[in-house]
N, C-alpha and C. Protein backbone atom coordinates (compact mmCIF):
# COMPACT_ATOMS: atom_id res chain seq x y z
N UNK A 1 -12.36 -5.64 15.89
CA UNK A 1 -11.27 -5.45 14.97
C UNK A 1 -10.10 -6.32 15.42
N UNK A 2 -9.44 -6.95 14.46
CA UNK A 2 -8.29 -7.81 14.77
C UNK A 2 -7.06 -6.95 15.07
N UNK A 3 -6.17 -7.50 15.86
CA UNK A 3 -4.90 -6.84 16.17
C UNK A 3 -3.78 -7.58 15.47
N UNK A 4 -2.79 -6.82 15.03
CA UNK A 4 -1.64 -7.39 14.33
C UNK A 4 -0.37 -6.87 15.00
N UNK A 5 0.54 -7.76 15.24
CA UNK A 5 1.81 -7.38 15.85
C UNK A 5 2.87 -7.34 14.76
N UNK A 6 3.52 -6.20 14.59
CA UNK A 6 4.58 -6.08 13.60
C UNK A 6 5.83 -5.54 14.28
N UNK A 7 6.96 -5.83 13.68
CA UNK A 7 8.23 -5.32 14.21
C UNK A 7 8.80 -4.31 13.23
N UNK A 8 9.40 -3.26 13.77
CA UNK A 8 10.04 -2.25 12.94
C UNK A 8 11.07 -1.51 13.78
N UNK A 9 12.02 -0.89 13.11
CA UNK A 9 13.03 -0.14 13.86
C UNK A 9 12.38 0.99 14.68
N UNK A 10 12.92 1.22 15.84
CA UNK A 10 12.39 2.25 16.74
C UNK A 10 12.35 3.63 16.05
N UNK A 11 13.38 3.91 15.29
CA UNK A 11 13.45 5.22 14.60
C UNK A 11 12.29 5.39 13.62
N UNK A 12 11.96 4.31 12.90
CA UNK A 12 10.85 4.36 11.96
C UNK A 12 9.53 4.57 12.69
N UNK A 13 9.36 3.89 13.81
CA UNK A 13 8.16 4.06 14.61
C UNK A 13 8.04 5.49 15.12
N UNK A 14 9.15 6.09 15.50
CA UNK A 14 9.13 7.50 15.92
C UNK A 14 8.65 8.40 14.79
N UNK A 15 9.10 8.11 13.56
CA UNK A 15 8.67 8.91 12.41
C UNK A 15 7.17 8.73 12.16
N UNK A 16 6.70 7.50 12.28
CA UNK A 16 5.27 7.23 12.10
C UNK A 16 4.46 8.01 13.13
N UNK A 17 4.90 7.97 14.37
CA UNK A 17 4.19 8.68 15.44
C UNK A 17 4.19 10.19 15.19
N UNK A 18 5.29 10.71 14.65
CA UNK A 18 5.36 12.14 14.38
C UNK A 18 4.36 12.52 13.28
N UNK A 19 4.32 11.74 12.21
CA UNK A 19 3.37 12.03 11.13
C UNK A 19 1.94 11.90 11.63
N UNK A 20 1.67 10.85 12.38
CA UNK A 20 0.32 10.65 12.93
C UNK A 20 -0.08 11.84 13.80
N UNK A 21 0.83 12.29 14.65
CA UNK A 21 0.55 13.44 15.51
C UNK A 21 0.29 14.70 14.71
N UNK A 22 1.09 14.92 13.68
CA UNK A 22 0.91 16.11 12.83
C UNK A 22 -0.44 16.10 12.12
N UNK A 23 -0.95 14.92 11.85
CA UNK A 23 -2.23 14.78 11.15
C UNK A 23 -3.40 14.53 12.10
N UNK A 24 -3.12 14.60 13.40
CA UNK A 24 -4.15 14.34 14.42
C UNK A 24 -4.84 12.99 14.20
N UNK A 25 -4.02 11.98 13.94
CA UNK A 25 -4.52 10.62 13.74
C UNK A 25 -3.80 9.70 14.72
N UNK A 26 -4.37 8.53 14.89
CA UNK A 26 -3.67 7.54 15.70
C UNK A 26 -2.67 6.82 14.81
N UNK A 27 -1.73 6.17 15.44
CA UNK A 27 -0.74 5.36 14.72
C UNK A 27 -1.47 4.31 13.87
N UNK A 28 -2.46 3.66 14.46
CA UNK A 28 -3.20 2.63 13.74
C UNK A 28 -3.91 3.19 12.51
N UNK A 29 -4.53 4.35 12.65
CA UNK A 29 -5.21 4.96 11.50
C UNK A 29 -4.23 5.24 10.37
N UNK A 30 -3.09 5.78 10.72
CA UNK A 30 -2.08 6.10 9.71
C UNK A 30 -1.59 4.84 9.00
N UNK A 31 -1.29 3.80 9.75
CA UNK A 31 -0.79 2.56 9.16
C UNK A 31 -1.87 1.90 8.30
N UNK A 32 -3.13 1.90 8.77
CA UNK A 32 -4.22 1.34 7.96
C UNK A 32 -4.34 2.07 6.63
N UNK A 33 -4.30 3.41 6.68
CA UNK A 33 -4.41 4.20 5.46
C UNK A 33 -3.23 3.94 4.52
N UNK A 34 -2.03 3.81 5.06
CA UNK A 34 -0.86 3.52 4.24
C UNK A 34 -1.01 2.17 3.56
N UNK A 35 -1.51 1.17 4.28
CA UNK A 35 -1.71 -0.15 3.68
C UNK A 35 -2.81 -0.15 2.63
N UNK A 36 -3.90 0.59 2.89
CA UNK A 36 -4.96 0.72 1.89
C UNK A 36 -4.41 1.32 0.60
N UNK A 37 -3.63 2.37 0.75
CA UNK A 37 -3.03 3.05 -0.40
C UNK A 37 -2.10 2.12 -1.16
N UNK A 38 -1.28 1.38 -0.43
CA UNK A 38 -0.36 0.43 -1.06
C UNK A 38 -1.13 -0.64 -1.84
N UNK A 39 -2.16 -1.19 -1.23
CA UNK A 39 -2.93 -2.25 -1.89
C UNK A 39 -3.65 -1.72 -3.12
N UNK A 40 -4.17 -0.51 -3.05
CA UNK A 40 -4.85 0.10 -4.20
C UNK A 40 -3.86 0.28 -5.36
N UNK A 41 -2.68 0.84 -5.05
CA UNK A 41 -1.67 1.05 -6.10
C UNK A 41 -1.22 -0.29 -6.69
N UNK A 42 -1.11 -1.31 -5.85
CA UNK A 42 -0.73 -2.63 -6.32
C UNK A 42 -1.79 -3.20 -7.27
N UNK A 43 -3.05 -3.01 -6.95
CA UNK A 43 -4.13 -3.49 -7.82
C UNK A 43 -4.10 -2.77 -9.16
N UNK A 44 -3.85 -1.47 -9.14
CA UNK A 44 -3.77 -0.69 -10.39
C UNK A 44 -2.61 -1.20 -11.24
N UNK A 45 -1.44 -1.39 -10.60
CA UNK A 45 -0.27 -1.89 -11.35
C UNK A 45 -0.56 -3.26 -11.96
N UNK A 46 -1.18 -4.14 -11.18
CA UNK A 46 -1.49 -5.48 -11.68
C UNK A 46 -2.50 -5.42 -12.83
N UNK A 47 -3.45 -4.53 -12.72
CA UNK A 47 -4.46 -4.37 -13.77
C UNK A 47 -3.81 -3.85 -15.05
N UNK A 48 -2.91 -2.88 -14.90
CA UNK A 48 -2.21 -2.33 -16.06
C UNK A 48 -1.32 -3.39 -16.71
N UNK A 49 -0.65 -4.20 -15.89
CA UNK A 49 0.19 -5.27 -16.43
C UNK A 49 -0.67 -6.28 -17.18
N UNK A 50 -1.83 -6.61 -16.62
CA UNK A 50 -2.71 -7.57 -17.28
C UNK A 50 -3.19 -7.03 -18.62
N UNK A 51 -3.54 -5.77 -18.67
CA UNK A 51 -4.01 -5.16 -19.92
C UNK A 51 -2.89 -5.16 -20.95
N UNK A 52 -1.68 -4.82 -20.52
CA UNK A 52 -0.55 -4.80 -21.45
C UNK A 52 -0.25 -6.21 -21.96
N UNK A 53 -0.29 -7.19 -21.06
CA UNK A 53 -0.05 -8.58 -21.48
C UNK A 53 -1.12 -9.05 -22.46
N UNK A 54 -2.35 -8.64 -22.25
CA UNK A 54 -3.44 -9.01 -23.16
C UNK A 54 -3.20 -8.39 -24.54
N UNK A 55 -2.74 -7.14 -24.56
CA UNK A 55 -2.44 -6.48 -25.85
C UNK A 55 -1.32 -7.22 -26.57
N UNK A 56 -0.28 -7.60 -25.85
CA UNK A 56 0.84 -8.34 -26.46
C UNK A 56 0.35 -9.67 -27.02
N UNK A 57 -0.45 -10.36 -26.23
CA UNK A 57 -0.97 -11.66 -26.67
C UNK A 57 -1.84 -11.50 -27.92
N UNK A 58 -2.68 -10.49 -27.93
CA UNK A 58 -3.52 -10.24 -29.11
C UNK A 58 -2.67 -9.98 -30.34
N UNK A 59 -1.61 -9.16 -30.16
CA UNK A 59 -0.73 -8.85 -31.28
C UNK A 59 -0.03 -10.10 -31.79
N UNK A 60 0.37 -10.96 -30.88
CA UNK A 60 1.06 -12.19 -31.29
C UNK A 60 0.13 -13.17 -32.00
N UNK A 61 -1.11 -13.22 -31.54
CA UNK A 61 -2.08 -14.15 -32.10
C UNK A 61 -2.75 -13.61 -33.36
N UNK A 62 -2.62 -12.30 -33.56
CA UNK A 62 -3.15 -11.67 -34.78
C UNK A 62 -4.60 -11.52 -34.72
């Protein structure tokens, strides 16, 4: 598995560690899951935008 170095405020890292501890997960597991969720939501938004744009284009072209 590849390693990634990121920078963030210490306070935010403390919050991440607290959530990870509460969920009995590692920091890495929590961050991976957060990124997966973000990317999934982004794909859905992009798909919805594409569908809406296609509808607009169809309406304009008749």
